Amino acid sequence: MKNSEKVITVTSFTAIVALVLDAIMFAQHGLSLLSISVWPRLALFIILAAIVDGLAMVKMRFCGYATILVNLYFAIACLAAFQMVTPRTSAYGLLVEALSIIGILLGAAGIYYGVKQRSDYTKARIEKLMKKAKEK
């Protein structure tokens, strides 16, 4: 599996986990999921994941940085759900905490793959410049 495929997979799963956790947190704090204040944030997760997935497909210059930042954002959203869930020791709380830990780990994996993606781009660029220099 190529690194870009790993980025797409990990980012998509992290976005889904963060989306579910955020919806749970909105419901826990008494906001209806049909409220107009809920959907922009949930849509942001989908848009960010789509941007990172698109950049990973075309392997643009700044795709590594975007991957790192977006996965960091998703991991922080999962950490917030981990910290804010109440009651912690109920089955509901334990489920949210387990899902949060999965989201944090997926976010960390996404950050790692973003760094690797940036490294691969830099190596390819150096090889291209070395090849060009040898031709002269």
C-alpha atoms as a PDB file:
ATOM      1  CA  MET A   1       0.000   0.000   0.000  1.00  0.00           C
ATOM      2  CA  LYS A   2       1.451   3.340  -1.024  1.00  0.00           C
ATOM      3  CA  ASN A   3       1.756   6.144   1.488  1.00  0.00           C
ATOM      4  CA  SER A   4      -0.865   8.272  -0.290  1.00  0.00           C
ATOM      5  CA  GLU A   5      -3.372   5.421   0.050  1.00  0.00           C
ATOM      6  CA  LYS A   6      -2.528   5.137   3.742  1.00  0.00           C
ATOM      7  CA  VAL A   7      -3.050   8.889   4.151  1.00  0.00           C
ATOM      8  CA  ILE A   8      -6.454   8.705   2.493  1.00  0.00           C
ATOM      9  CA  THR A   9      -7.539   5.709   4.570  1.00  0.00           C
ATOM     10  CA  VAL A  10      -6.324   7.007   7.922  1.00  0.00           C
ATOM     11  CA  THR A  11      -7.620  10.535   7.373  1.00  0.00           C
ATOM     12  CA  SER A  12     -11.041   9.280   6.302  1.00  0.00           C
ATOM     13  CA  PHE A  13     -11.398   7.000   9.324  1.00  0.00           C
ATOM     14  CA  THR A  14     -10.134   9.693  11.686  1.00  0.00           C
ATOM     15  CA  ALA A  15     -12.648  12.150  10.244  1.00  0.00           C
ATOM     16  CA  ILE A  16     -15.486   9.659  10.750  1.00  0.00           C
ATOM     17  CA  VAL A  17     -14.466   8.995  14.349  1.00  0.00           C
ATOM     18  CA  ALA A  18     -14.118  12.726  15.072  1.00  0.00           C
ATOM     19  CA  LEU A  19     -17.469  13.402  13.393  1.00  0.00           C
ATOM     20  CA  VAL A  20     -19.251  10.762  15.476  1.00  0.00           C
ATOM     21  CA  LEU A  21     -17.610  11.935  18.703  1.00  0.00           C
ATOM     22  CA  ASP A  22     -18.468  15.558  17.992  1.00  0.00           C
ATOM     23  CA  ALA A  23     -22.098  14.639  17.318  1.00  0.00           C
ATOM     24  CA  ILE A  24     -22.170  12.713  20.594  1.00  0.00           C
ATOM     25  CA  MET A  25     -20.711  15.700  22.447  1.00  0.00           C
ATOM     26  CA  PHE A  26     -23.281  18.057  20.921  1.00  0.00           C
ATOM     27  CA  ALA A  27     -26.055  15.719  22.053  1.00  0.00           C
ATOM     28  CA  GLN A  28     -24.514  15.375  25.509  1.00  0.00           C
ATOM     29  CA  HIS A  29     -24.436  19.142  25.953  1.00  0.00           C
ATOM     30  CA  GLY A  30     -28.088  19.452  25.016  1.00  0.00           C
ATOM     31  CA  LEU A  31     -27.794  20.717  21.451  1.00  0.00           C
ATOM     32  CA  SER A  32     -30.117  19.129  18.937  1.00  0.00           C
ATOM     33  CA  LEU A  33     -28.343  17.567  15.987  1.00  0.00           C
ATOM     34  CA  LEU A  34     -30.864  19.374  13.800  1.00  0.00           C
ATOM     35  CA  SER A  35     -29.701  22.744  15.130  1.00  0.00           C
ATOM     36  CA  ILE A  36     -28.144  25.174  12.686  1.00  0.00           C
ATOM     37  CA  SER A  37     -25.122  25.646  14.975  1.00  0.00           C
ATOM     38  CA  VAL A  38     -24.165  21.962  14.802  1.00  0.00           C
ATOM     39  CA  TRP A  39     -23.931  21.346  11.066  1.00  0.00           C
ATOM     40  CA  PRO A  40     -21.173  23.816  10.139  1.00  0.00           C
ATOM     41  CA  ARG A  41     -18.717  22.118  12.489  1.00  0.00           C
ATOM     42  CA  LEU A  42     -19.692  18.640  11.342  1.00  0.00           C
ATOM     43  CA  ALA A  43     -19.449  19.757   7.710  1.00  0.00           C
ATOM     44  CA  LEU A  44     -15.979  21.159   8.447  1.00  0.00           C
ATOM     45  CA  PHE A  45     -14.745  17.662   9.308  1.00  0.00           C
ATOM     46  CA  ILE A  46     -16.030  16.331   5.997  1.00  0.00           C
ATOM     47  CA  ILE A  47     -14.569  19.227   4.001  1.00  0.00           C
ATOM     48  CA  LEU A  48     -11.143  18.961   5.657  1.00  0.00           C
ATOM     49  CA  ALA A  49     -10.994  15.207   5.052  1.00  0.00           C
ATOM     50  CA  ALA A  50     -11.989  15.720   1.403  1.00  0.00           C
ATOM     51  CA  ILE A  51      -9.285  18.353   0.937  1.00  0.00           C
ATOM     52  CA  VAL A  52      -6.576  16.120   2.426  1.00  0.00           C
ATOM     53  CA  ASP A  53      -7.756  13.116   0.410  1.00  0.00           C
ATOM     54  CA  GLY A  54      -7.748  15.181  -2.783  1.00  0.00           C
ATOM     55  CA  LEU A  55      -4.293  16.582  -2.109  1.00  0.00           C
ATOM     56  CA  ALA A  56      -2.963  13.101  -1.338  1.00  0.00           C
ATOM     57  CA  MET A  57      -4.306  11.822  -4.662  1.00  0.00           C
ATOM     58  CA  VAL A  58      -2.596  14.514  -6.716  1.00  0.00           C
ATOM     59  CA  LYS A  59       0.531  14.629  -4.497  1.00  0.00           C
ATOM     60  CA  MET A  60       0.787  18.401  -4.429  1.00  0.00           C
ATOM     61  CA  ARG A  61       3.632  20.249  -2.768  1.00  0.00           C
ATOM     62  CA  PHE A  62       1.903  21.125   0.506  1.00  0.00           C
ATOM     63  CA  CYS A  63      -0.143  17.941   0.909  1.00  0.00           C
ATOM     64  CA  GLY A  64       2.124  16.705   3.719  1.00  0.00           C
ATOM     65  CA  TYR A  65       1.592  19.870   5.739  1.00  0.00           C
ATOM     66  CA  ALA A  66      -2.169  19.759   5.179  1.00  0.00           C
ATOM     67  CA  THR A  67      -2.257  16.112   6.255  1.00  0.00           C
ATOM     68  CA  ILE A  68      -0.334  16.876   9.437  1.00  0.00           C
ATOM     69  CA  LEU A  69      -2.502  19.855  10.406  1.00  0.00           C
ATOM     70  CA  VAL A  70      -5.849  18.235   9.628  1.00  0.00           C
ATOM     71  CA  ASN A  71      -5.020  15.003  11.456  1.00  0.00           C
ATOM     72  CA  LEU A  72      -3.767  17.032  14.408  1.00  0.00           C
ATOM     73  CA  TYR A  73      -7.108  18.873  14.423  1.00  0.00           C
ATOM     74  CA  PHE A  74      -9.013  15.568  14.344  1.00  0.00           C
ATOM     75  CA  ALA A  75      -6.871  14.130  17.150  1.00  0.00           C
ATOM     76  CA  ILE A  76      -7.498  17.231  19.281  1.00  0.00           C
ATOM     77  CA  ALA A  77     -11.245  16.920  18.652  1.00  0.00           C
ATOM     78  CA  CYS A  78     -11.092  13.297  19.812  1.00  0.00           C
ATOM     79  CA  LEU A  79      -9.073  14.304  22.877  1.00  0.00           C
ATOM     80  CA  ALA A  80     -11.699  16.929  23.735  1.00  0.00           C
ATOM     81  CA  ALA A  81     -14.420  14.277  23.614  1.00  0.00           C
ATOM     82  CA  PHE A  82     -12.283  12.048  25.840  1.00  0.00           C
ATOM     83  CA  GLN A  83     -11.952  14.814  28.407  1.00  0.00           C
ATOM     84  CA  MET A  84     -15.549  16.065  28.340  1.00  0.00           C
ATOM     85  CA  VAL A  85     -17.608  12.863  28.443  1.00  0.00           C
ATOM     86  CA  THR A  86     -19.814  12.381  31.501  1.00  0.00           C
ATOM     87  CA  PRO A  87     -20.480  10.035  33.236  1.00  0.00           C
ATOM     88  CA  ARG A  88     -17.098   8.425  32.628  1.00  0.00           C
ATOM     89  CA  THR A  89     -17.717   5.051  34.252  1.00  0.00           C
ATOM     90  CA  SER A  90     -21.018   4.259  32.558  1.00  0.00           C
ATOM     91  CA  ALA A  91     -21.167   2.036  29.479  1.00  0.00           C
ATOM     92  CA  TYR A  92     -21.860   5.151  27.400  1.00  0.00           C
ATOM     93  CA  GLY A  93     -18.839   6.965  28.857  1.00  0.00           C
ATOM     94  CA  LEU A  94     -16.537   3.989  28.367  1.00  0.00           C
ATOM     95  CA  LEU A  95     -17.692   3.632  24.761  1.00  0.00           C
ATOM     96  CA  VAL A  96     -16.984   7.304  24.078  1.00  0.00           C
ATOM     97  CA  GLU A  97     -13.590   7.055  25.791  1.00  0.00           C
ATOM     98  CA  ALA A  98     -12.654   3.955  23.759  1.00  0.00           C
ATOM     99  CA  LEU A  99     -13.749   5.644  20.536  1.00  0.00           C
ATOM    100  CA  SER A 100     -11.774   8.747  21.538  1.00  0.00           C
ATOM    101  CA  ILE A 101      -8.610   6.728  22.104  1.00  0.00           C
ATOM    102  CA  ILE A 102      -9.045   5.099  18.701  1.00  0.00           C
ATOM    103  CA  GLY A 103      -9.477   8.562  17.157  1.00  0.00           C
ATOM    104  CA  ILE A 104      -6.385   9.913  18.899  1.00  0.00           C
ATOM    105  CA  LEU A 105      -4.302   6.954  17.707  1.00  0.00           C
ATOM    106  CA  LEU A 106      -5.637   7.319  14.171  1.00  0.00           C
ATOM    107  CA  GLY A 107      -4.814  11.039  14.290  1.00  0.00           C
ATOM    108  CA  ALA A 108      -1.271  10.248  15.412  1.00  0.00           C
ATOM    109  CA  ALA A 109      -0.933   7.739  12.571  1.00  0.00           C
ATOM    110  CA  GLY A 110      -2.198  10.401  10.162  1.00  0.00           C
ATOM    111  CA  ILE A 111       0.424  12.837  11.444  1.00  0.00           C
ATOM    112  CA  TYR A 112       3.129  10.178  10.945  1.00  0.00           C
ATOM    113  CA  TYR A 113       1.959   9.477   7.387  1.00  0.00           C
ATOM    114  CA  GLY A 114       1.860  13.223   6.710  1.00  0.00           C
ATOM    115  CA  VAL A 115       5.490  13.551   7.787  1.00  0.00           C
ATOM    116  CA  LYS A 116       6.379  10.546   5.638  1.00  0.00           C
ATOM    117  CA  GLN A 117       4.441  12.059   2.739  1.00  0.00           C
ATOM    118  CA  ARG A 118       6.425  15.272   3.047  1.00  0.00           C
ATOM    119  CA  SER A 119       9.676  13.321   3.259  1.00  0.00           C
ATOM    120  CA  ASP A 120       8.812  11.324   0.133  1.00  0.00           C
ATOM    121  CA  TYR A 121       8.025  14.522  -1.764  1.00  0.00           C
ATOM    122  CA  THR A 122      11.336  16.081  -0.707  1.00  0.00           C
ATOM    123  CA  LYS A 123      13.292  12.968  -1.723  1.00  0.00           C
ATOM    124  CA  ALA A 124      11.601  12.896  -5.125  1.00  0.00           C
ATOM    125  CA  ARG A 125      12.334  16.583  -5.617  1.00  0.00           C
ATOM    126  CA  ILE A 126      16.019  16.113  -4.714  1.00  0.00           C
ATOM    127  CA  GLU A 127      16.312  13.164  -7.096  1.00  0.00           C
ATOM    128  CA  LYS A 128      14.751  15.234  -9.861  1.00  0.00           C
ATOM    129  CA  LEU A 129      17.179  18.098  -9.237  1.00  0.00           C
ATOM    130  CA  MET A 130      20.163  15.707  -9.123  1.00  0.00           C
ATOM    131  CA  LYS A 131      19.098  14.159 -12.412  1.00  0.00           C
ATOM    132  CA  LYS A 132      18.736  17.608 -13.949  1.00  0.00           C
ATOM    133  CA  ALA A 133      22.173  18.647 -12.661  1.00  0.00           C
ATOM    134  CA  LYS A 134      23.809  15.535 -14.153  1.00  0.00           C
ATOM    135  CA  GLU A 135      22.329  16.303 -17.559  1.00  0.00           C
ATOM    136  CA  LYS A 136      24.098  19.661 -17.680  1.00  0.00           C
END
